[in-house]
Structure formats: structure tokens, C-alpha cells
């Protein structure tokens, strides 16, 4: 059976280090890329890695898509589909990986010929920094497919906003898909009539300009406009505190903050998964900050005992980190509002907090398909870790500002950064 690929994807068969495909729904990006990879893998033996930011199981990957195409195009005499890998008769091999929280595994993939990163709008700056130098084989390529969410997302900034001769970029949409079905065209026209802004994002591949579903979109946009997402200096005189989200089978996230005068500075961010507490203690101690006594703020579950009866709080104390537990939230709404208010008087270090900012930007309310409206609570996804840690950090900041800890407010110690010279106090103080 002949394998047909839309003309616009022809560039996939020409050498280039980075091949970026973005656009809206109906452009057949995933199907066309998968077909091109199967064809390439038949022409010569290739080691192909299909990656995405989060992959908790093989079901989260494009394994099913590739398997279906193998069957659809009668390629089963060449490709053998196994539970976690697809192998070609000539030695071609497809493997599937999650980027986030699998750093040690990723470093072993330097022999890959092609890495396809699907849903790349979710990929963090940290993941790109690890992946790119890992894919180092001569003539190796990185294929990237995404639907743009925000122009501040690391993938957009790295590969679309900034372009060079090593990057081939193609925008594809429903117009470029010769197999675009009538049933989807009906849905496309319906959304165009009902919600032109949503249509521009969903079908035309434009950045999502809607604000209703994003928890902190307007506050972060204002911070960008004010120049408060930039290089933020650390003041060694002012004490630093941290805000945590604890991962029990999930990621643990930590923010580093300090007040300098009336400004709340977000200095640093770190997130990881599958590590013991001593790993995070090392991360804390490796940063030469002037830490506040009892200034490591934990969510309420930091006081819960484990099977040995030891809480996270007690374990951290035994490792030299005095901490404070924030009381349990029966309703997260006040915490969400506290973060909104806090962002208005905050500055974020653009580089050190890049992945935390990415999480806050993408933290959004869940969409109710039946009622066609957003639910009252945010969706729990990959962005929740950084967002939950930010909420803990802001509760901690409110305690710090109210006199919980010693804060230097002498203006002689303030270091201003370009682009923002606000004088309003934290939460109006």
C-alpha cells in the first residue's frame, strides 16, 4: 500500500538539525510525522525516540498511533510491534520516553538518529537544556510538533521566535490536509461562528489569547509589560525563604523568594520527581542564599507521618532545614487570589524561574465539555506542581511580611532592575 504524506511535510525528508511543525487542529501533523518516520526507518536502520514532556505510561505516547499505521499500511512484515518498542527488520527501532523527571535515562540516548518531540508546547526549558546536547550523533535530528499556547512558552521562544539556519519551520493547518474530513469542517465552521478567538487558536494555530481559562494570565501579562520578568538580582542582606509542593508519587517543586523593601522577588525554581528528601536538601544548601530561620514553607501534608511515623517536616529538620507548615486549605480559592495579588508586586528571574513561570502561565481551569464552561477548580496536570508551590510560597510571604521573620527594608540595600520601578507595597502594604 502506498503511503501518502501531504506535500507540506516533504521537508521532513531533507537533512536539517531541527524540524519544527506547528499549527492548528486538522493539519495531520502527528499522522504525517509518524508516516514519514516509518518510511525513513524502512530506508535505513535508524534509532528513533518518540518523546513528550510527561509520559507516565506507554499509553501516553504515540506508540498506538505508530502501531495503527503499521497495520493500516500493511507493514507488519517489516515492523514488529511490541508492548514498549517497535522494531524494523533492518534494525530500525522506535522507543518512547518522557522528558521530565527522566534525566538519567535521557542521557543514555545519545545514539539516537531522530528524536520526535510531540506536544512540545508543554516542554520545559530544563528538558530542552538536557535533551539538545544529549542528541549528539552525527547528522542527528530533532523533530518538534506543537500547537502554540503562549508566546512565553520555552519551545516557542527557542525555536519559533528565534530562528537560524539550523531550524526548518513549517506552519500547517487544516487547509494543508488533503484528507481533511467533512465532519471536522462542520466543527471548524461552527467554532468560527461561535468564538472567533477560540477558532484562531484551535484551528488556525495562533497563540491562545483567551484569558478566561488561565488562572494567572492577566497578572503575568502585566508583569511582562512592566518588565518584571527579567534578570532579578539577589540581595545577600535580605533573607530568603522557600515555598514547596511535596510530591508523593508526583513531582516536588520549590520556589526561592525574598523581599527587598516592598518587592517580592522570585529568585529561583526547581522541580524533580522520584528523588528522596535529601536530594532537595542538597539543592537548597547548594544555593548560597541567606536563608531565614524557619523559612522553608511546606504545605499541610508536610506534617503527615509516613510508614515510620516521621513527617516530611521532621525529616527536613533533622537534615538542617527548619521549616513551617502552612495550614490545610479547605478551599483553594483564597490561595489563588493571594497569588494573583502577590504577582502584582513581584519580579521573576527570567532564566532561573523559567520553568516555574511556564507552569504558572499554563495553569488553567478545567473545561467542562458537557456544560461548555470552565469548572471552578483548576485542572490538575503537569503545571499544578509549580502552581501549588507558588501558592505555598505566597502564604509564606504573607506570614513573612506580617512579621513572622526578619525582613530588611532599608532602601540602601535595594537593588533595582531595568524595566520596573514600582513603589506599591505587597498586597497594598
Protein backbone atom coordinates (compact mmCIF):
# COMPACT_ATOMS: atom_id res chain seq x y z
CA UNK A 1 0.00 0.00 0.00
CA UNK A 2 1.32 3.45 -0.96
CA UNK A 3 1.98 5.78 1.96
CA UNK A 4 0.67 9.26 1.16
CA UNK A 5 2.03 12.29 3.05
CA UNK A 6 0.76 15.87 2.46
CA UNK A 7 3.09 17.92 0.27
CA UNK A 8 3.84 20.41 3.02
CA UNK A 9 5.64 17.70 5.01
CA UNK A 10 8.10 16.99 2.20
CA UNK A 11 10.81 18.88 4.09
CA UNK A 12 10.94 16.00 6.57
CA UNK A 13 12.97 14.05 4.01
CA UNK A 14 15.66 16.73 3.70
CA UNK A 15 18.51 16.99 6.24
CA UNK A 16 18.13 19.64 8.95
CA UNK A 17 19.04 19.60 12.64
CA UNK A 18 15.66 20.94 13.82
CA UNK A 19 12.37 20.42 12.01
CA UNK A 20 9.50 22.34 13.60
CA UNK A 21 5.86 21.83 12.68
CA UNK A 22 3.16 23.92 14.31
CA UNK A 23 -0.41 24.86 13.60
CA UNK A 24 -3.99 24.17 14.50
CA UNK A 25 -6.24 21.18 14.58
CA UNK A 26 -6.82 19.12 11.44
CA UNK A 27 -3.38 19.65 9.92
CA UNK A 28 -2.48 15.96 10.26
CA UNK A 29 0.83 16.81 11.95
CA UNK A 30 1.10 13.69 14.07
CA UNK A 31 -0.09 11.28 11.39
CA UNK A 32 2.20 12.77 8.74
CA UNK A 33 5.25 12.78 11.01
CA UNK A 34 4.58 9.19 12.05
CA UNK A 35 4.27 8.09 8.41
CA UNK A 36 7.50 9.91 7.48
CA UNK A 37 9.35 8.21 10.33
CA UNK A 38 8.08 4.78 9.27
CA UNK A 39 9.25 5.44 5.71
CA UNK A 40 12.66 6.70 6.87
CA UNK A 41 13.02 3.69 9.13
CA UNK A 42 12.43 1.34 6.20
CA UNK A 43 15.03 3.01 4.00
CA UNK A 44 17.86 2.60 6.52
CA UNK A 45 18.31 1.46 10.11
CA UNK A 46 17.51 4.30 12.50
CA UNK A 47 17.24 4.70 16.21
CA UNK A 48 14.12 6.82 16.71
CA UNK A 49 12.97 8.23 20.04
CA UNK A 50 9.37 9.46 20.35
CA UNK A 51 9.27 11.82 23.31
CA UNK A 52 6.93 14.11 25.17
CA UNK A 53 7.28 16.12 28.37
CA UNK A 54 5.19 13.77 30.55
CA UNK A 55 4.87 10.07 29.84
CA UNK A 56 3.67 8.08 32.83
CA UNK A 57 2.94 5.00 30.74
CA UNK A 58 3.25 3.78 27.16
CA UNK A 59 -0.42 4.74 26.71
CA UNK A 60 0.61 8.41 26.95
CA UNK A 61 2.92 8.04 23.93
CA UNK A 62 2.46 7.85 20.14
CA UNK A 63 3.03 4.08 20.31
CA UNK A 64 -0.64 3.42 19.49
CA UNK A 65 -0.57 5.83 16.53
CA UNK A 66 2.51 4.20 15.00
CA UNK A 67 1.10 0.72 15.64
CA UNK A 68 -2.17 1.60 13.90
CA UNK A 69 -0.28 2.98 10.89
CA UNK A 70 1.86 -0.15 10.66
CA UNK A 71 -1.33 -2.22 10.42
CA UNK A 72 -3.15 0.26 8.15
CA UNK A 73 -0.32 0.32 5.61
CA UNK A 74 0.32 -3.45 5.75
CA UNK A 75 3.83 -3.01 7.12
CA UNK A 76 3.65 -5.90 9.57
CA UNK A 77 6.08 -7.99 7.53
CA UNK A 78 8.71 -5.31 8.17
CA UNK A 79 7.78 -3.82 11.55
CA UNK A 80 7.23 -5.88 14.69
CA UNK A 81 5.07 -4.08 17.25
CA UNK A 82 5.91 -4.96 20.86
CA UNK A 83 4.48 -3.56 24.09
CA UNK A 84 7.07 -0.83 24.57
CA UNK A 85 9.07 -0.79 21.35
CA UNK A 86 8.60 -1.12 17.59
CA UNK A 87 11.38 -2.86 15.65
CA UNK A 88 12.14 -2.96 11.94
CA UNK A 89 13.57 -5.91 10.03
CA UNK A 90 16.66 -3.83 9.15
CA UNK A 91 17.41 -2.87 12.76
CA UNK A 92 15.32 0.31 12.96
CA UNK A 93 13.98 0.82 16.47
CA UNK A 94 11.27 3.10 17.88
CA UNK A 95 11.38 3.83 21.61
CA UNK A 96 9.17 6.07 23.73
CA UNK A 97 10.27 8.40 26.52
CA UNK A 98 9.03 11.11 28.84
CA UNK A 99 11.43 14.05 29.12
CA UNK A 100 10.53 15.42 32.52
CA UNK A 101 11.88 13.60 35.59
CA UNK A 102 13.80 11.05 33.48
CA UNK A 103 17.07 12.91 33.14
CA UNK A 104 19.35 9.96 33.87
CA UNK A 105 17.50 7.89 31.27
CA UNK A 106 17.68 10.65 28.68
CA UNK A 107 21.44 10.95 28.98
CA UNK A 108 21.72 7.39 27.66
CA UNK A 109 20.01 8.33 24.37
CA UNK A 110 22.96 9.99 22.71
CA UNK A 111 22.90 7.34 19.98
CA UNK A 112 19.51 8.48 18.65
CA UNK A 113 19.26 9.42 14.97
CA UNK A 114 15.90 11.18 15.27
CA UNK A 115 14.04 12.42 18.33
CA UNK A 116 10.42 13.39 17.73
CA UNK A 117 9.05 15.65 20.50
CA UNK A 118 5.25 15.61 20.36
CA UNK A 119 3.04 18.23 22.10
CA UNK A 120 6.18 20.31 22.50
CA UNK A 121 4.26 23.32 23.78
CA UNK A 122 4.43 21.62 27.19
CA UNK A 123 8.20 21.03 27.21
CA UNK A 124 10.13 22.93 29.86
CA UNK A 125 13.32 24.88 29.37
CA UNK A 126 15.14 22.43 31.65
CA UNK A 127 14.11 19.48 29.48
CA UNK A 128 15.39 21.20 26.34
CA UNK A 129 18.69 22.02 28.04
CA UNK A 130 19.20 18.33 28.83
CA UNK A 131 17.84 16.85 25.59
CA UNK A 132 19.57 19.01 22.98
CA UNK A 133 23.20 18.25 23.91
CA UNK A 134 22.26 14.60 24.50
CA UNK A 135 21.19 14.11 20.89
CA UNK A 136 24.74 14.36 19.58
CA UNK A 137 25.14 11.67 16.94
CA UNK A 138 26.48 12.92 13.60
CA UNK A 139 23.57 14.10 11.38
CA UNK A 140 21.06 13.52 14.19
CA UNK A 141 17.80 15.45 14.04
CA UNK A 142 15.15 16.73 16.45
CA UNK A 143 11.60 16.89 15.10
CA UNK A 144 9.20 19.13 17.00
CA UNK A 145 5.41 19.30 16.70
CA UNK A 146 3.23 21.67 18.70
CA UNK A 147 0.12 23.77 18.94
CA UNK A 148 1.23 27.17 20.23
CA UNK A 149 -0.30 28.16 23.56
CA UNK A 150 1.68 31.16 24.75
CA UNK A 151 4.50 33.14 23.16
CA UNK A 152 6.28 32.92 26.51
CA UNK A 153 6.50 29.11 26.39
CA UNK A 154 10.09 27.79 26.18
CA UNK A 155 9.52 25.88 22.92
CA UNK A 156 8.08 28.90 21.14
CA UNK A 157 10.87 31.19 22.35
CA UNK A 158 13.62 28.70 21.50
CA UNK A 159 12.52 27.50 18.05
CA UNK A 160 9.94 29.89 16.57
CA UNK A 161 10.59 33.36 17.96
CA UNK A 162 14.31 32.83 17.36
CA UNK A 163 15.24 31.19 14.07
CA UNK A 164 18.52 30.28 12.43
CA UNK A 165 19.81 28.22 9.52
CA UNK A 166 19.66 25.02 11.56
CA UNK A 167 15.90 25.27 12.05
CA UNK A 168 13.28 24.45 9.39
CA UNK A 169 9.84 25.71 10.38
CA UNK A 170 6.55 24.89 8.72
CA UNK A 171 3.12 26.03 9.81
CA UNK A 172 0.46 23.51 8.84
CA UNK A 173 -3.29 23.67 9.20
CA UNK A 174 -6.49 22.10 8.02
CA UNK A 175 -6.03 23.84 4.65
CA UNK A 176 -2.90 21.76 4.03
CA UNK A 177 -4.53 18.42 4.73
CA UNK A 178 -5.91 16.85 1.53
CA UNK A 179 -7.63 14.24 3.69
CA UNK A 180 -9.45 16.79 5.91
CA UNK A 181 -12.84 15.20 6.63
CA UNK A 182 -16.18 16.91 6.21
CA UNK A 183 -17.20 16.13 9.78
CA UNK A 184 -14.29 18.22 11.10
CA UNK A 185 -15.04 21.00 8.65
CA UNK A 186 -18.51 21.29 10.17
CA UNK A 187 -16.95 21.60 13.64
CA UNK A 188 -14.46 24.17 12.35
CA UNK A 189 -17.14 26.40 10.86
CA UNK A 190 -19.27 26.09 13.99
CA UNK A 191 -16.47 27.32 16.26
CA UNK A 192 -15.63 30.15 13.87
CA UNK A 193 -19.20 31.43 14.17
CA UNK A 194 -19.42 30.94 17.95
CA UNK A 195 -16.00 32.04 19.21
CA UNK A 196 -13.55 33.65 16.72
CA UNK A 197 -10.75 33.93 19.31
CA UNK A 198 -11.02 30.25 20.20
CA UNK A 199 -11.16 29.42 16.48
CA UNK A 200 -7.94 31.32 15.78
CA UNK A 201 -6.13 29.22 18.37
CA UNK A 202 -7.76 25.83 17.83
CA UNK A 203 -7.95 25.76 14.02
CA UNK A 204 -5.54 28.42 12.74
CA UNK A 205 -2.70 27.66 15.16
CA UNK A 206 -2.40 31.16 16.63
CA UNK A 207 -1.31 31.74 20.25
CA UNK A 208 -4.20 31.40 22.69
CA UNK A 209 -5.35 34.95 23.50
CA UNK A 210 -8.28 33.86 25.64
CA UNK A 211 -7.94 34.74 29.31
CA UNK A 212 -10.93 33.06 30.94
CA UNK A 213 -9.36 29.63 31.33
CA UNK A 214 -5.92 30.65 32.61
CA UNK A 215 -5.68 31.26 36.34
CA UNK A 216 -2.89 33.86 36.31
CA UNK A 217 -2.75 35.01 32.66
CA UNK A 218 -3.62 38.68 33.15
CA UNK A 219 -1.30 39.08 36.14
CA UNK A 220 1.64 37.51 34.30
CA UNK A 221 0.93 39.56 31.18
CA UNK A 222 1.06 42.71 33.30
CA UNK A 223 4.36 41.54 34.80
CA UNK A 224 5.76 41.13 31.27
CA UNK A 225 4.52 44.56 30.24
CA UNK A 226 6.09 46.12 33.35
CA UNK A 227 9.43 44.42 32.70
CA UNK A 228 9.16 42.40 35.90
CA UNK A 229 10.13 39.11 34.24
CA UNK A 230 13.80 39.81 33.72
CA UNK A 231 17.18 39.33 35.38
CA UNK A 232 16.46 39.79 39.08
CA UNK A 233 19.43 40.38 41.40
CA UNK A 234 19.77 38.55 44.70
CA UNK A 235 20.27 40.83 47.69
CA UNK A 236 22.52 38.96 50.19
CA UNK A 237 21.31 41.18 53.04
CA UNK A 238 17.64 40.28 52.69
CA UNK A 239 16.69 36.82 53.89
CA UNK A 240 15.47 34.14 51.52
CA UNK A 241 12.58 31.75 52.11
CA UNK A 242 11.18 28.86 50.07
CA UNK A 243 7.72 27.57 49.15
CA UNK A 244 7.20 23.87 48.44
CA UNK A 245 4.79 21.46 46.82
CA UNK A 246 5.51 17.94 48.01
CA UNK A 247 5.27 15.08 45.56
CA UNK A 248 4.14 11.76 46.94
CA UNK A 249 4.36 9.74 43.73
CA UNK A 250 4.40 13.06 41.86
CA UNK A 251 6.83 15.93 41.37
CA UNK A 252 8.20 18.07 44.19
CA UNK A 253 8.56 21.76 43.33
CA UNK A 254 10.37 24.56 45.20
CA UNK A 255 10.41 28.34 44.76
CA UNK A 256 13.08 30.62 46.29
CA UNK A 257 11.92 34.14 47.22
CA UNK A 258 12.96 37.23 49.18
CA UNK A 259 11.60 40.65 49.99
CA UNK A 260 13.77 43.61 49.12
CA UNK A 261 11.93 46.58 50.51
CA UNK A 262 8.36 46.15 49.38
CA UNK A 263 9.12 43.97 46.39
CA UNK A 264 8.71 40.21 46.38
CA UNK A 265 11.47 38.69 44.28
CA UNK A 266 11.17 35.18 42.89
CA UNK A 267 14.82 34.19 42.59
CA UNK A 268 14.87 30.54 41.61
CA UNK A 269 12.80 27.44 40.90
CA UNK A 270 13.46 23.69 40.96
CA UNK A 271 11.33 20.63 40.26
CA UNK A 272 12.06 16.91 40.18
CA UNK A 273 10.43 13.54 40.71
CA UNK A 274 11.42 10.20 42.18
CA UNK A 275 14.06 11.68 44.48
CA UNK A 276 14.37 11.33 48.24
CA UNK A 277 14.23 14.33 50.57
CA UNK A 278 17.99 14.51 50.93
CA UNK A 279 18.17 15.37 47.21
CA UNK A 280 16.07 18.50 47.74
CA UNK A 281 18.01 19.43 50.86
CA UNK A 282 21.19 19.35 48.78
CA UNK A 283 19.52 21.62 46.23
CA UNK A 284 18.60 24.07 48.99
CA UNK A 285 22.07 24.06 50.53
CA UNK A 286 23.83 24.27 47.16
CA UNK A 287 22.40 27.75 46.59
CA UNK A 288 24.40 30.33 48.57
CA UNK A 289 21.39 32.22 49.89
CA UNK A 290 20.94 33.89 53.25
CA UNK A 291 18.11 31.70 54.49
CA UNK A 292 15.51 32.80 57.00
CA UNK A 293 15.07 30.79 60.19
CA UNK A 294 12.03 28.52 59.82
CA UNK A 295 11.69 29.98 56.36
CA UNK A 296 11.08 26.78 54.39
CA UNK A 297 7.29 26.75 53.98
CA UNK A 298 5.60 23.40 53.42
CA UNK A 299 2.00 22.56 52.50
CA UNK A 300 -0.16 20.91 55.15
CA UNK A 301 0.87 17.39 54.11
CA UNK A 302 4.39 18.22 55.22
CA UNK A 303 3.14 17.41 58.72
CA UNK A 304 1.78 13.99 57.81
CA UNK A 305 3.68 10.97 59.09
CA UNK A 306 4.97 8.23 56.83
CA UNK A 307 5.03 4.50 57.49
CA UNK A 308 7.77 5.07 60.08
CA UNK A 309 5.84 7.87 61.73
CA UNK A 310 8.24 10.57 60.51
CA UNK A 311 6.75 13.60 58.79
CA UNK A 312 8.49 15.46 56.00
CA UNK A 313 8.78 18.40 58.36
CA UNK A 314 10.65 16.34 60.97
CA UNK A 315 12.89 14.75 58.37
CA UNK A 316 13.84 18.15 56.93
CA UNK A 317 14.55 19.47 60.42
CA UNK A 318 16.86 16.53 61.10
CA UNK A 319 18.68 17.43 57.87
CA UNK A 320 19.19 21.00 58.96
CA UNK A 321 16.21 22.76 57.37
CA UNK A 322 13.98 24.47 59.93
CA UNK A 323 10.55 24.75 58.39
CA UNK A 324 6.99 25.94 58.86
CA UNK A 325 3.84 24.07 57.84
CA UNK A 326 1.03 26.03 56.22
CA UNK A 327 -2.43 25.07 57.47
CA UNK A 328 -4.67 22.91 55.31
CA UNK A 329 -6.73 24.68 52.64
CA UNK A 330 -10.38 23.66 52.75
CA UNK A 331 -10.91 25.93 49.75
CA UNK A 332 -8.07 26.89 47.40
CA UNK A 333 -9.88 29.99 46.10
CA UNK A 334 -8.34 32.38 48.70
CA UNK A 335 -4.92 30.95 47.85
CA UNK A 336 -5.44 31.56 44.14
CA UNK A 337 -6.42 35.15 44.85
CA UNK A 338 -3.39 35.57 47.13
CA UNK A 339 -1.08 34.50 44.29
CA UNK A 340 -2.79 36.95 41.92
CA UNK A 341 -2.28 39.79 44.37
CA UNK A 342 1.29 38.73 45.02
CA UNK A 343 2.24 38.66 41.34
CA UNK A 344 1.24 42.33 41.13
CA UNK A 345 4.13 43.22 43.46
CA UNK A 346 6.57 40.58 42.28
CA UNK A 347 9.57 40.25 39.99
CA UNK A 348 10.60 36.90 38.49
CA UNK A 349 14.08 35.96 37.36
CA UNK A 350 13.51 35.12 33.71
CA UNK A 351 16.21 32.47 33.48
CA UNK A 352 16.29 30.78 36.88
CA UNK A 353 12.50 30.73 37.19
CA UNK A 354 11.79 29.86 33.54
CA UNK A 355 10.14 26.52 34.22
CA UNK A 356 8.17 27.86 37.16
CA UNK A 357 6.88 30.74 35.03
CA UNK A 358 5.99 28.21 32.33
CA UNK A 359 3.92 26.28 34.90
CA UNK A 360 2.14 29.40 36.18
CA UNK A 361 1.38 30.53 32.63
CA UNK A 362 -0.21 27.19 31.70
CA UNK A 363 -2.07 26.61 34.97
CA UNK A 364 -5.72 26.73 33.98
CA UNK A 365 -9.27 25.80 34.89
CA UNK A 366 -10.63 22.51 33.60
CA UNK A 367 -13.09 22.73 30.71
CA UNK A 368 -16.49 21.08 31.16
CA UNK A 369 -17.36 19.60 27.77
CA UNK A 370 -20.96 18.89 28.79
CA UNK A 371 -21.77 22.35 30.17
CA UNK A 372 -19.44 24.19 27.74
CA UNK A 373 -17.87 26.24 30.51
CA UNK A 374 -14.81 26.21 32.76
CA UNK A 375 -15.07 24.42 36.09
CA UNK A 376 -14.45 26.24 39.36
CA UNK A 377 -11.25 24.37 40.18
CA UNK A 378 -8.04 24.31 38.12
CA UNK A 379 -7.12 21.22 36.17
CA UNK A 380 -4.56 19.01 37.90
CA UNK A 381 -1.81 18.43 35.35
CA UNK A 382 1.95 18.94 34.94
CA UNK A 383 1.61 22.67 35.69
CA UNK A 384 -0.01 22.05 39.08
CA UNK A 385 3.28 21.30 40.84
CA UNK A 386 4.80 24.73 40.23
CA UNK A 387 1.46 26.47 40.76
CA UNK A 388 0.77 24.69 44.06
CA UNK A 389 4.28 25.51 45.27
CA UNK A 390 3.66 29.15 44.32
CA UNK A 391 0.52 29.16 46.46
CA UNK A 392 2.51 27.82 49.42
CA UNK A 393 5.18 30.44 48.73
CA UNK A 394 2.64 33.26 48.78
CA UNK A 395 1.09 32.05 52.04
CA UNK A 396 4.63 32.03 53.42
CA UNK A 397 5.26 35.51 52.02
CA UNK A 398 2.15 36.82 53.77
CA UNK A 399 3.45 35.47 57.08
CA UNK A 400 6.91 36.91 56.43
CA UNK A 401 5.52 40.34 55.60
CA UNK A 402 3.34 40.35 58.69
CA UNK A 403 6.42 39.94 60.88
CA UNK A 404 6.96 36.20 61.02
CA UNK A 405 10.60 36.68 60.10
CA UNK A 406 13.19 39.44 59.94
CA UNK A 407 12.98 41.42 56.71
CA UNK A 408 15.44 44.07 55.65
CA UNK A 409 13.52 47.11 54.41
CA UNK A 410 16.33 49.65 54.42
CA UNK A 411 16.24 51.25 50.97
CA UNK A 412 20.02 51.43 50.90
CA UNK A 413 20.05 47.65 50.35
CA UNK A 414 17.63 47.66 47.44
CA UNK A 415 18.87 46.73 44.00
CA UNK A 416 16.60 47.82 41.17
CA UNK A 417 16.44 46.09 37.83
CA UNK A 418 15.66 47.62 34.48
CA UNK A 419 12.10 47.99 33.34
CA UNK A 420 10.26 48.27 36.66
CA UNK A 421 10.43 50.91 39.36
CA UNK A 422 7.15 50.38 41.18
CA UNK A 423 6.70 51.58 44.72
CA UNK A 424 3.44 49.84 45.65
CA UNK A 425 3.69 47.53 48.64
CA UNK A 426 3.00 43.82 48.81
CA UNK A 427 -0.77 43.37 48.86
CA UNK A 428 -1.12 47.10 49.23
CA UNK A 429 1.08 47.35 52.32
